[in-house]
Amino acid sequence: MLNEALRLIRVYHDMKQNEAAERLGISKSYLSEIEKGHKEPSLDLLRKYEVCFGIPVSSIMFFAENMGKAPTRERARTFVASKIIKLMQFLEDRTESVHAD
């Protein structure tokens, strides 16, 4: 399920394979093979996902592990909810820094 989790992360960020591959420093064909489940991503590549998409490797792994445990709608809801929480935290931090100045 890691391959599907990585694909969904890319799609959620509205990124085409060629753009994601470029940001990750890999070929589009290699990314395609990973997303299809034909190749396994290395830990180094997962760390690049962490930097590129702002998602800790541990969260990527947790998301991948739990994909098969819940219906598709619930998986999507959980993923989107985590992004909303991060956005809210970002806005809160930004507001606090503006008021501190």
PDB file of N, CA and C in Angstrom:
ATOM      1  N   MET A   1       0.801  -1.203   0.000  1.00  0.00           N
ATOM      2  CA  MET A   1       0.000   0.000   0.000  1.00  0.00           C
ATOM      3  C   MET A   1       0.847   1.271   0.000  1.00  0.00           C
ATOM      4  N   LEU A   2       2.155   1.132   0.235  1.00  0.00           N
ATOM      5  CA  LEU A   2       3.019   2.305   0.226  1.00  0.00           C
ATOM      6  C   LEU A   2       2.979   2.986  -1.139  1.00  0.00           C
ATOM      7  N   ASN A   3       2.950   2.197  -2.190  1.00  0.00           N
ATOM      8  CA  ASN A   3       2.910   2.773  -3.537  1.00  0.00           C
ATOM      9  C   ASN A   3       1.661   3.650  -3.718  1.00  0.00           C
ATOM     10  N   GLU A   4       0.531   3.170  -3.256  1.00  0.00           N
ATOM     11  CA  GLU A   4      -0.720   3.933  -3.385  1.00  0.00           C
ATOM     12  C   GLU A   4      -0.695   5.174  -2.497  1.00  0.00           C
ATOM     13  N   ALA A   5      -0.116   5.062  -1.317  1.00  0.00           N
ATOM     14  CA  ALA A   5      -0.011   6.219  -0.421  1.00  0.00           C
ATOM     15  C   ALA A   5       0.827   7.312  -1.079  1.00  0.00           C
ATOM     16  N   LEU A   6       1.937   6.936  -1.689  1.00  0.00           N
ATOM     17  CA  LEU A   6       2.799   7.917  -2.354  1.00  0.00           C
ATOM     18  C   LEU A   6       2.080   8.557  -3.545  1.00  0.00           C
ATOM     19  N   ARG A   7       1.331   7.767  -4.274  1.00  0.00           N
ATOM     20  CA  ARG A   7       0.568   8.297  -5.410  1.00  0.00           C
ATOM     21  C   ARG A   7      -0.481   9.295  -4.914  1.00  0.00           C
ATOM     22  N   LEU A   8      -1.200   8.927  -3.855  1.00  0.00           N
ATOM     23  CA  LEU A   8      -2.241   9.809  -3.324  1.00  0.00           C
ATOM     24  C   LEU A   8      -1.657  11.114  -2.769  1.00  0.00           C
ATOM     25  N   ILE A   9      -0.506  11.035  -2.163  1.00  0.00           N
ATOM     26  CA  ILE A   9       0.153  12.246  -1.660  1.00  0.00           C
ATOM     27  C   ILE A   9       0.469  13.174  -2.830  1.00  0.00           C
ATOM     28  N   ARG A  10       1.000  12.611  -3.900  1.00  0.00           N
ATOM     29  CA  ARG A  10       1.315  13.423  -5.086  1.00  0.00           C
ATOM     30  C   ARG A  10       0.046  14.043  -5.671  1.00  0.00           C
ATOM     31  N   VAL A  11      -0.996  13.229  -5.833  1.00  0.00           N
ATOM     32  CA  VAL A  11      -2.253  13.702  -6.420  1.00  0.00           C
ATOM     33  C   VAL A  11      -2.886  14.767  -5.520  1.00  0.00           C
ATOM     34  N   TYR A  12      -2.847  14.554  -4.213  1.00  0.00           N
ATOM     35  CA  TYR A  12      -3.416  15.531  -3.275  1.00  0.00           C
ATOM     36  C   TYR A  12      -2.758  16.904  -3.454  1.00  0.00           C
ATOM     37  N   HIS A  13      -1.472  16.899  -3.741  1.00  0.00           N
ATOM     38  CA  HIS A  13      -0.736  18.147  -3.932  1.00  0.00           C
ATOM     39  C   HIS A  13      -0.844  18.660  -5.367  1.00  0.00           C
ATOM     40  N   ASP A  14      -1.754  18.054  -6.125  1.00  0.00           N
ATOM     41  CA  ASP A  14      -2.045  18.482  -7.496  1.00  0.00           C
ATOM     42  C   ASP A  14      -0.774  18.558  -8.340  1.00  0.00           C
ATOM     43  N   MET A  15       0.000  17.496  -8.275  1.00  0.00           N
ATOM     44  CA  MET A  15       1.273  17.457  -8.960  1.00  0.00           C
ATOM     45  C   MET A  15       1.287  16.315  -9.969  1.00  0.00           C
ATOM     46  N   LYS A  16       1.706  16.594 -11.170  1.00  0.00           N
ATOM     47  CA  LYS A  16       1.861  15.567 -12.202  1.00  0.00           C
ATOM     48  C   LYS A  16       3.100  14.743 -11.894  1.00  0.00           C
ATOM     49  N   GLN A  17       3.157  13.532 -12.447  1.00  0.00           N
ATOM     50  CA  GLN A  17       4.309  12.667 -12.184  1.00  0.00           C
ATOM     51  C   GLN A  17       5.623  13.318 -12.594  1.00  0.00           C
ATOM     52  N   ASN A  18       5.644  13.973 -13.744  1.00  0.00           N
ATOM     53  CA  ASN A  18       6.916  14.556 -14.190  1.00  0.00           C
ATOM     54  C   ASN A  18       7.389  15.672 -13.246  1.00  0.00           C
ATOM     55  N   GLU A  19       6.467  16.466 -12.717  1.00  0.00           N
ATOM     56  CA  GLU A  19       6.836  17.522 -11.775  1.00  0.00           C
ATOM     57  C   GLU A  19       7.335  16.929 -10.461  1.00  0.00           C
ATOM     58  N   ALA A  20       6.618  15.928  -9.958  1.00  0.00           N
ATOM     59  CA  ALA A  20       7.034  15.284  -8.699  1.00  0.00           C
ATOM     60  C   ALA A  20       8.393  14.609  -8.866  1.00  0.00           C
ATOM     61  N   ALA A  21       8.576  13.922  -9.989  1.00  0.00           N
ATOM     62  CA  ALA A  21       9.845  13.237 -10.241  1.00  0.00           C
ATOM     63  C   ALA A  21      10.999  14.234 -10.248  1.00  0.00           C
ATOM     64  N   GLU A  22      10.770  15.375 -10.885  1.00  0.00           N
ATOM     65  CA  GLU A  22      11.814  16.402 -10.933  1.00  0.00           C
ATOM     66  C   GLU A  22      12.142  16.909  -9.528  1.00  0.00           C
ATOM     67  N   ARG A  23      11.122  17.196  -8.741  1.00  0.00           N
ATOM     68  CA  ARG A  23      11.347  17.687  -7.366  1.00  0.00           C
ATOM     69  C   ARG A  23      12.020  16.643  -6.488  1.00  0.00           C
ATOM     70  N   LEU A  24      11.716  15.367  -6.747  1.00  0.00           N
ATOM     71  CA  LEU A  24      12.297  14.284  -5.956  1.00  0.00           C
ATOM     72  C   LEU A  24      13.678  13.869  -6.458  1.00  0.00           C
ATOM     73  N   GLY A  25      14.045  14.351  -7.636  1.00  0.00           N
ATOM     74  CA  GLY A  25      15.354  14.018  -8.194  1.00  0.00           C
ATOM     75  C   GLY A  25      15.425  12.612  -8.777  1.00  0.00           C
ATOM     76  N   ILE A  26      14.294  12.124  -9.295  1.00  0.00           N
ATOM     77  CA  ILE A  26      14.248  10.803  -9.912  1.00  0.00           C
ATOM     78  C   ILE A  26      13.593  10.922 -11.288  1.00  0.00           C
ATOM     79  N   SER A  27      13.672   9.859 -12.073  1.00  0.00           N
ATOM     80  CA  SER A  27      13.039   9.890 -13.388  1.00  0.00           C
ATOM     81  C   SER A  27      11.538   9.653 -13.263  1.00  0.00           C
ATOM     82  N   LYS A  28      10.807  10.148 -14.246  1.00  0.00           N
ATOM     83  CA  LYS A  28       9.357   9.947 -14.266  1.00  0.00           C
ATOM     84  C   LYS A  28       9.035   8.458 -14.363  1.00  0.00           C
ATOM     85  N   SER A  29       9.810   7.718 -15.133  1.00  0.00           N
ATOM     86  CA  SER A  29       9.541   6.283 -15.284  1.00  0.00           C
ATOM     87  C   SER A  29       9.763   5.545 -13.958  1.00  0.00           C
ATOM     88  N   TYR A  30      10.779   5.963 -13.188  1.00  0.00           N
ATOM     89  CA  TYR A  30      11.021   5.336 -11.887  1.00  0.00           C
ATOM     90  C   TYR A  30       9.868   5.635 -10.928  1.00  0.00           C
ATOM     91  N   LEU A  31       9.400   6.882 -10.937  1.00  0.00           N
ATOM     92  CA  LEU A  31       8.257   7.250 -10.093  1.00  0.00           C
ATOM     93  C   LEU A  31       7.026   6.439 -10.485  1.00  0.00           C
ATOM     94  N   SER A  32       6.817   6.288 -11.767  1.00  0.00           N
ATOM     95  CA  SER A  32       5.688   5.498 -12.256  1.00  0.00           C
ATOM     96  C   SER A  32       5.772   4.056 -11.765  1.00  0.00           C
ATOM     97  N   GLU A  33       6.953   3.471 -11.832  1.00  0.00           N
ATOM     98  CA  GLU A  33       7.152   2.095 -11.361  1.00  0.00           C
ATOM     99  C   GLU A  33       6.876   1.977  -9.862  1.00  0.00           C
ATOM    100  N   ILE A  34       7.280   2.978  -9.099  1.00  0.00           N
ATOM    101  CA  ILE A  34       7.017   2.975  -7.651  1.00  0.00           C
ATOM    102  C   ILE A  34       5.518   3.066  -7.393  1.00  0.00           C
ATOM    103  N   GLU A  35       4.849   3.994  -8.068  1.00  0.00           N
ATOM    104  CA  GLU A  35       3.416   4.190  -7.835  1.00  0.00           C
ATOM    105  C   GLU A  35       2.588   2.991  -8.291  1.00  0.00           C
ATOM    106  N   LYS A  36       3.069   2.253  -9.249  1.00  0.00           N
ATOM    107  CA  LYS A  36       2.370   1.042  -9.701  1.00  0.00           C
ATOM    108  C   LYS A  36       2.664  -0.149  -8.797  1.00  0.00           C
ATOM    109  N   GLY A  37       3.637   0.004  -7.917  1.00  0.00           N
ATOM    110  CA  GLY A  37       3.994  -1.082  -7.007  1.00  0.00           C
ATOM    111  C   GLY A  37       4.999  -2.064  -7.590  1.00  0.00           C
ATOM    112  N   HIS A  38       5.615  -1.705  -8.703  1.00  0.00           N
ATOM    113  CA  HIS A  38       6.596  -2.582  -9.337  1.00  0.00           C
ATOM    114  C   HIS A  38       7.979  -2.433  -8.729  1.00  0.00           C
ATOM    115  N   LYS A  39       8.220  -1.303  -8.072  1.00  0.00           N
ATOM    116  CA  LYS A  39       9.494  -1.061  -7.386  1.00  0.00           C
ATOM    117  C   LYS A  39       9.202  -0.503  -6.005  1.00  0.00           C
ATOM    118  N   GLU A  40      10.101  -0.790  -5.072  1.00  0.00           N
ATOM    119  CA  GLU A  40       9.974  -0.303  -3.703  1.00  0.00           C
ATOM    120  C   GLU A  40      10.804   0.968  -3.525  1.00  0.00           C
ATOM    121  N   PRO A  41      10.232   1.989  -2.903  1.00  0.00           N
ATOM    122  CA  PRO A  41      11.020   3.206  -2.667  1.00  0.00           C
ATOM    123  C   PRO A  41      12.041   2.976  -1.550  1.00  0.00           C
ATOM    124  N   SER A  42      13.182   3.598  -1.702  1.00  0.00           N
ATOM    125  CA  SER A  42      14.213   3.521  -0.665  1.00  0.00           C
ATOM    126  C   SER A  42      13.873   4.485   0.470  1.00  0.00           C
ATOM    127  N   LEU A  43      14.536   4.308   1.594  1.00  0.00           N
ATOM    128  CA  LEU A  43      14.356   5.225   2.719  1.00  0.00           C
ATOM    129  C   LEU A  43      14.806   6.627   2.312  1.00  0.00           C
ATOM    130  N   ASP A  44      15.863   6.693   1.511  1.00  0.00           N
ATOM    131  CA  ASP A  44      16.347   7.981   1.020  1.00  0.00           C
ATOM    132  C   ASP A  44      15.257   8.685   0.208  1.00  0.00           C
ATOM    133  N   LEU A  45      14.554   7.945  -0.633  1.00  0.00           N
ATOM    134  CA  LEU A  45      13.479   8.541  -1.425  1.00  0.00           C
ATOM    135  C   LEU A  45      12.325   8.986  -0.528  1.00  0.00           C
ATOM    136  N   LEU A  46      11.999   8.192   0.477  1.00  0.00           N
ATOM    137  CA  LEU A  46      10.939   8.590   1.406  1.00  0.00           C
ATOM    138  C   LEU A  46      11.305   9.883   2.133  1.00  0.00           C
ATOM    139  N   ARG A  47      12.582  10.047   2.428  1.00  0.00           N
ATOM    140  CA  ARG A  47      13.027  11.299   3.058  1.00  0.00           C
ATOM    141  C   ARG A  47      12.876  12.477   2.100  1.00  0.00           C
ATOM    142  N   LYS A  48      13.047  12.217   0.804  1.00  0.00           N
ATOM    143  CA  LYS A  48      12.830  13.274  -0.190  1.00  0.00           C
ATOM    144  C   LYS A  48      11.343  13.636  -0.250  1.00  0.00           C
ATOM    145  N   TYR A  49      10.475  12.635  -0.115  1.00  0.00           N
ATOM    146  CA  TYR A  49       9.029  12.915  -0.036  1.00  0.00           C
ATOM    147  C   TYR A  49       8.742  13.786   1.181  1.00  0.00           C
ATOM    148  N   GLU A  50       9.391  13.483   2.285  1.00  0.00           N
ATOM    149  CA  GLU A  50       9.206  14.250   3.517  1.00  0.00           C
ATOM    150  C   GLU A  50       9.499  15.729   3.275  1.00  0.00           C
ATOM    151  N   VAL A  51      10.604  16.012   2.620  1.00  0.00           N
ATOM    152  CA  VAL A  51      11.002  17.391   2.349  1.00  0.00           C
ATOM    153  C   VAL A  51      10.094  18.029   1.303  1.00  0.00           C
ATOM    154  N   CYS A  52       9.845  17.309   0.230  1.00  0.00           N
ATOM    155  CA  CYS A  52       9.067  17.842  -0.897  1.00  0.00           C
ATOM    156  C   CYS A  52       7.621  18.129  -0.524  1.00  0.00           C
ATOM    157  N   PHE A  53       7.005  17.226   0.240  1.00  0.00           N
ATOM    158  CA  PHE A  53       5.580  17.358   0.542  1.00  0.00           C
ATOM    159  C   PHE A  53       5.293  17.787   1.984  1.00  0.00           C
ATOM    160  N   GLY A  54       6.338  17.922   2.795  1.00  0.00           N
ATOM    161  CA  GLY A  54       6.146  18.373   4.169  1.00  0.00           C
ATOM    162  C   GLY A  54       5.429  17.367   5.052  1.00  0.00           C
ATOM    163  N   ILE A  55       5.654  16.082   4.774  1.00  0.00           N
ATOM    164  CA  ILE A  55       5.003  15.020   5.543  1.00  0.00           C
ATOM    165  C   ILE A  55       6.096  14.123   6.114  1.00  0.00           C
ATOM    166  N   PRO A  56       6.191  13.966   7.428  1.00  0.00           N
ATOM    167  CA  PRO A  56       7.220  13.101   8.003  1.00  0.00           C
ATOM    168  C   PRO A  56       7.124  11.669   7.473  1.00  0.00           C
ATOM    169  N   VAL A  57       8.274  11.031   7.337  1.00  0.00           N
ATOM    170  CA  VAL A  57       8.312   9.646   6.857  1.00  0.00           C
ATOM    171  C   VAL A  57       7.420   8.765   7.721  1.00  0.00           C
ATOM    172  N   SER A  58       7.421   9.001   9.018  1.00  0.00           N
ATOM    173  CA  SER A  58       6.590   8.187   9.908  1.00  0.00           C
ATOM    174  C   SER A  58       5.111   8.331   9.563  1.00  0.00           C
ATOM    175  N   SER A  59       4.683   9.532   9.197  1.00  0.00           N
ATOM    176  CA  SER A  59       3.285   9.748   8.811  1.00  0.00           C
ATOM    177  C   SER A  59       2.968   9.084   7.478  1.00  0.00           C
ATOM    178  N   ILE A  60       3.919   9.117   6.559  1.00  0.00           N
ATOM    179  CA  ILE A  60       3.729   8.442   5.276  1.00  0.00           C
ATOM    180  C   ILE A  60       3.547   6.944   5.510  1.00  0.00           C
ATOM    181  N   MET A  61       4.387   6.377   6.357  1.00  0.00           N
ATOM    182  CA  MET A  61       4.306   4.942   6.644  1.00  0.00           C
ATOM    183  C   MET A  61       2.998   4.601   7.360  1.00  0.00           C
ATOM    184  N   PHE A  62       2.599   5.441   8.312  1.00  0.00           N
ATOM    185  CA  PHE A  62       1.351   5.216   9.035  1.00  0.00           C
ATOM    186  C   PHE A  62       0.166   5.259   8.078  1.00  0.00           C
ATOM    187  N   PHE A  63       0.162   6.251   7.201  1.00  0.00           N
ATOM    188  CA  PHE A  63      -0.890   6.389   6.193  1.00  0.00           C
ATOM    189  C   PHE A  63      -0.941   5.137   5.314  1.00  0.00           C
ATOM    190  N   ALA A  64       0.217   4.682   4.857  1.00  0.00           N
ATOM    191  CA  ALA A  64       0.281   3.503   3.986  1.00  0.00           C
ATOM    192  C   ALA A  64      -0.213   2.253   4.705  1.00  0.00           C
ATOM    193  N   GLU A  65       0.188   2.089   5.957  1.00  0.00           N
ATOM    194  CA  GLU A  65      -0.212   0.911   6.728  1.00  0.00           C
ATOM    195  C   GLU A  65      -1.709   0.872   6.986  1.00  0.00           C
ATOM    196  N   ASN A  66      -2.308   2.024   7.141  1.00  0.00           N
ATOM    197  CA  ASN A  66      -3.723   2.079   7.480  1.00  0.00           C
ATOM    198  C   ASN A  66      -4.651   2.193   6.275  1.00  0.00           C
ATOM    199  N   MET A  67      -4.095   2.269   5.101  1.00  0.00           N
ATOM    200  CA  MET A  67      -4.927   2.390   3.905  1.00  0.00           C
ATOM    201  C   MET A  67      -5.830   1.183   3.704  1.00  0.00           C
ATOM    202  N   GLY A  68      -5.330   0.006   3.957  1.00  0.00           N
ATOM    203  CA  GLY A  68      -6.116  -1.195   3.745  1.00  0.00           C
ATOM    204  C   GLY A  68      -7.092  -1.512   4.862  1.00  0.00           C
ATOM    205  N   LYS A  69      -7.032  -0.773   5.939  1.00  0.00           N
ATOM    206  CA  LYS A  69      -7.854  -1.077   7.107  1.00  0.00           C
ATOM    207  C   LYS A  69      -9.187  -0.350   7.138  1.00  0.00           C
ATOM    208  N   ALA A  70      -9.345   0.663   6.323  1.00  0.00           N
ATOM    209  CA  ALA A  70     -10.584   1.447   6.347  1.00  0.00           C
ATOM    210  C   ALA A  70     -11.122   1.588   4.928  1.00  0.00           C
ATOM    211  N   PRO A  71     -12.416   1.804   4.805  1.00  0.00           N
ATOM    212  CA  PRO A  71     -12.973   2.046   3.476  1.00  0.00           C
ATOM    213  C   PRO A  71     -12.325   3.269   2.835  1.00  0.00           C
ATOM    214  N   THR A  72     -12.347   3.327   1.527  1.00  0.00           N
ATOM    215  CA  THR A  72     -11.691   4.395   0.779  1.00  0.00           C
ATOM    216  C   THR A  72     -12.118   5.777   1.254  1.00  0.00           C
ATOM    217  N   ARG A  73     -13.392   5.970   1.472  1.00  0.00           N
ATOM    218  CA  ARG A  73     -13.877   7.280   1.918  1.00  0.00           C
ATOM    219  C   ARG A  73     -13.257   7.658   3.257  1.00  0.00           C
ATOM    220  N   GLU A  74     -13.160   6.710   4.161  1.00  0.00           N
ATOM    221  CA  GLU A  74     -12.583   6.986   5.474  1.00  0.00           C
ATOM    222  C   GLU A  74     -11.089   7.305   5.361  1.00  0.00           C
ATOM    223  N   ARG A  75     -10.386   6.605   4.483  1.00  0.00           N
ATOM    224  CA  ARG A  75      -8.950   6.893   4.289  1.00  0.00           C
ATOM    225  C   ARG A  75      -8.770   8.316   3.794  1.00  0.00           C
ATOM    226  N   ALA A  76      -9.569   8.693   2.822  1.00  0.00           N
ATOM    227  CA  ALA A  76      -9.468  10.044   2.269  1.00  0.00           C
ATOM    228  C   ALA A  76      -9.795  11.082   3.332  1.00  0.00           C
ATOM    229  N   ARG A  77     -10.825  10.824   4.123  1.00  0.00           N
ATOM    230  CA  ARG A  77     -11.233  11.760   5.172  1.00  0.00           C
ATOM    231  C   ARG A  77     -10.108  11.939   6.194  1.00  0.00           C
ATOM    232  N   THR A  78      -9.471  10.855   6.583  1.00  0.00           N
ATOM    233  CA  THR A  78      -8.382  10.917   7.549  1.00  0.00           C
ATOM    234  C   THR A  78      -7.214  11.715   6.992  1.00  0.00           C
ATOM    235  N   PHE A  79      -6.874  11.452   5.741  1.00  0.00           N
ATOM    236  CA  PHE A  79      -5.752  12.149   5.121  1.00  0.00           C
ATOM    237  C   PHE A  79      -6.038  13.646   5.012  1.00  0.00           C
ATOM    238  N   VAL A  80      -7.215  13.989   4.544  1.00  0.00           N
ATOM    239  CA  VAL A  80      -7.582  15.392   4.378  1.00  0.00           C
ATOM    240  C   VAL A  80      -7.641  16.078   5.746  1.00  0.00           C
ATOM    241  N   ALA A  81      -8.166  15.388   6.736  1.00  0.00           N
ATOM    242  CA  ALA A  81      -8.248  15.970   8.079  1.00  0.00           C
ATOM    243  C   ALA A  81      -6.866  16.328   8.603  1.00  0.00           C
ATOM    244  N   SER A  82      -5.883  15.473   8.365  1.00  0.00           N
ATOM    245  CA  SER A  82      -4.525  15.774   8.843  1.00  0.00           C
ATOM    246  C   SER A  82      -3.968  16.994   8.142  1.00  0.00           C
ATOM    247  N   LYS A  83      -4.284  17.164   6.864  1.00  0.00           N
ATOM    248  CA  LYS A  83      -3.821  18.343   6.133  1.00  0.00           C
ATOM    249  C   LYS A  83      -4.502  19.610   6.652  1.00  0.00           C
ATOM    250  N   ILE A  84      -5.770  19.524   6.971  1.00  0.00           N
ATOM    251  CA  ILE A  84      -6.502  20.678   7.501  1.00  0.00           C
ATOM    252  C   ILE A  84      -5.925  21.089   8.847  1.00  0.00           C
ATOM    253  N   ILE A  85      -5.612  20.120   9.676  1.00  0.00           N
ATOM    254  CA  ILE A  85      -5.014  20.423  10.982  1.00  0.00           C
ATOM    255  C   ILE A  85      -3.677  21.125  10.798  1.00  0.00           C
ATOM    256  N   LYS A  86      -2.845  20.641   9.869  1.00  0.00           N
ATOM    257  CA  LYS A  86      -1.553  21.283   9.622  1.00  0.00           C
ATOM    258  C   LYS A  86      -1.741  22.704   9.108  1.00  0.00           C
ATOM    259  N   LEU A  87      -2.718  22.915   8.251  1.00  0.00           N
ATOM    260  CA  LEU A  87      -2.988  24.250   7.737  1.00  0.00           C
ATOM    261  C   LEU A  87      -3.418  25.174   8.868  1.00  0.00           C
ATOM    262  N   MET A  88      -4.274  24.685   9.749  1.00  0.00           N
ATOM    263  CA  MET A  88      -4.736  25.489  10.868  1.00  0.00           C
ATOM    264  C   MET A  88      -3.570  25.842  11.794  1.00  0.00           C
ATOM    265  N   GLN A  89      -2.667  24.878  12.026  1.00  0.00           N
ATOM    266  CA  GLN A  89      -1.505  25.145  12.868  1.00  0.00           C
ATOM    267  C   GLN A  89      -0.601  26.191  12.217  1.00  0.00           C
ATOM    268  N   PHE A  90      -0.423  26.091  10.907  1.00  0.00           N
ATOM    269  CA  PHE A  90       0.379  27.063  10.180  1.00  0.00           C
ATOM    270  C   PHE A  90      -0.218  28.462  10.321  1.00  0.00           C
ATOM    271  N   LEU A  91      -1.525  28.571  10.125  1.00  0.00           N
ATOM    272  CA  LEU A  91      -2.191  29.871  10.230  1.00  0.00           C
ATOM    273  C   LEU A  91      -2.102  30.433  11.645  1.00  0.00           C
ATOM    274  N   GLU A  92      -2.253  29.559  12.623  1.00  0.00           N
ATOM    275  CA  GLU A  92      -2.145  29.990  14.012  1.00  0.00           C
ATOM    276  C   GLU A  92      -0.741  30.518  14.302  1.00  0.00           C
ATOM    277  N   ASP A  93       0.286  29.775  13.858  1.00  0.00           N
ATOM    278  CA  ASP A  93       1.665  30.201  14.071  1.00  0.00           C
ATOM    279  C   ASP A  93       1.942  31.530  13.366  1.00  0.00           C
ATOM    280  N   ARG A  94       1.409  31.661  12.179  1.00  0.00           N
ATOM    281  CA  ARG A  94       1.613  32.887  11.403  1.00  0.00           C
ATOM    282  C   ARG A  94       0.944  34.079  12.096  1.00  0.00           C
ATOM    283  N   THR A  95      -0.263  33.864  12.590  1.00  0.00           N
ATOM    284  CA  THR A  95      -0.990  34.924  13.287  1.00  0.00           C
ATOM    285  C   THR A  95      -0.247  35.344  14.548  1.00  0.00           C
ATOM    286  N   GLU A  96       0.253  34.375  15.288  1.00  0.00           N
ATOM    287  CA  GLU A  96       0.989  34.683  16.510  1.00  0.00           C
ATOM    288  C   GLU A  96       2.262  35.469  16.213  1.00  0.00           C
ATOM    289  N   SER A  97       2.959  35.139  15.125  1.00  0.00           N
ATOM    290  CA  SER A  97       4.185  35.850  14.799  1.00  0.00           C
ATOM    291  C   SER A  97       3.891  37.278  14.337  1.00  0.00           C
ATOM    292  N   VAL A  98       2.768  37.498  13.662  1.00  0.00           N
ATOM    293  CA  VAL A  98       2.392  38.838  13.227  1.00  0.00           C
ATOM    294  C   VAL A  98       2.038  39.705  14.431  1.00  0.00           C
ATOM    295  N   HIS A  99       1.320  39.130  15.382  1.00  0.00           N
ATOM    296  CA  HIS A  99       0.920  39.892  16.570  1.00  0.00           C
ATOM    297  C   HIS A  99       2.096  40.123  17.512  1.00  0.00           C
ATOM    298  N   ALA A 100       3.116  39.318  17.436  1.00  0.00           N
ATOM    299  CA  ALA A 100       4.289  39.474  18.298  1.00  0.00           C
ATOM    300  C   ALA A 100       5.161  40.636  17.839  1.00  0.00           C
ATOM    301  N   ASP A 101       5.039  40.998  16.558  1.00  0.00           N
ATOM    302  CA  ASP A 101       5.878  42.078  16.017  1.00  0.00           C
ATOM    303  C   ASP A 101       5.367  43.421  16.361  1.00  0.00           C
TER     304      ASP A 101
END
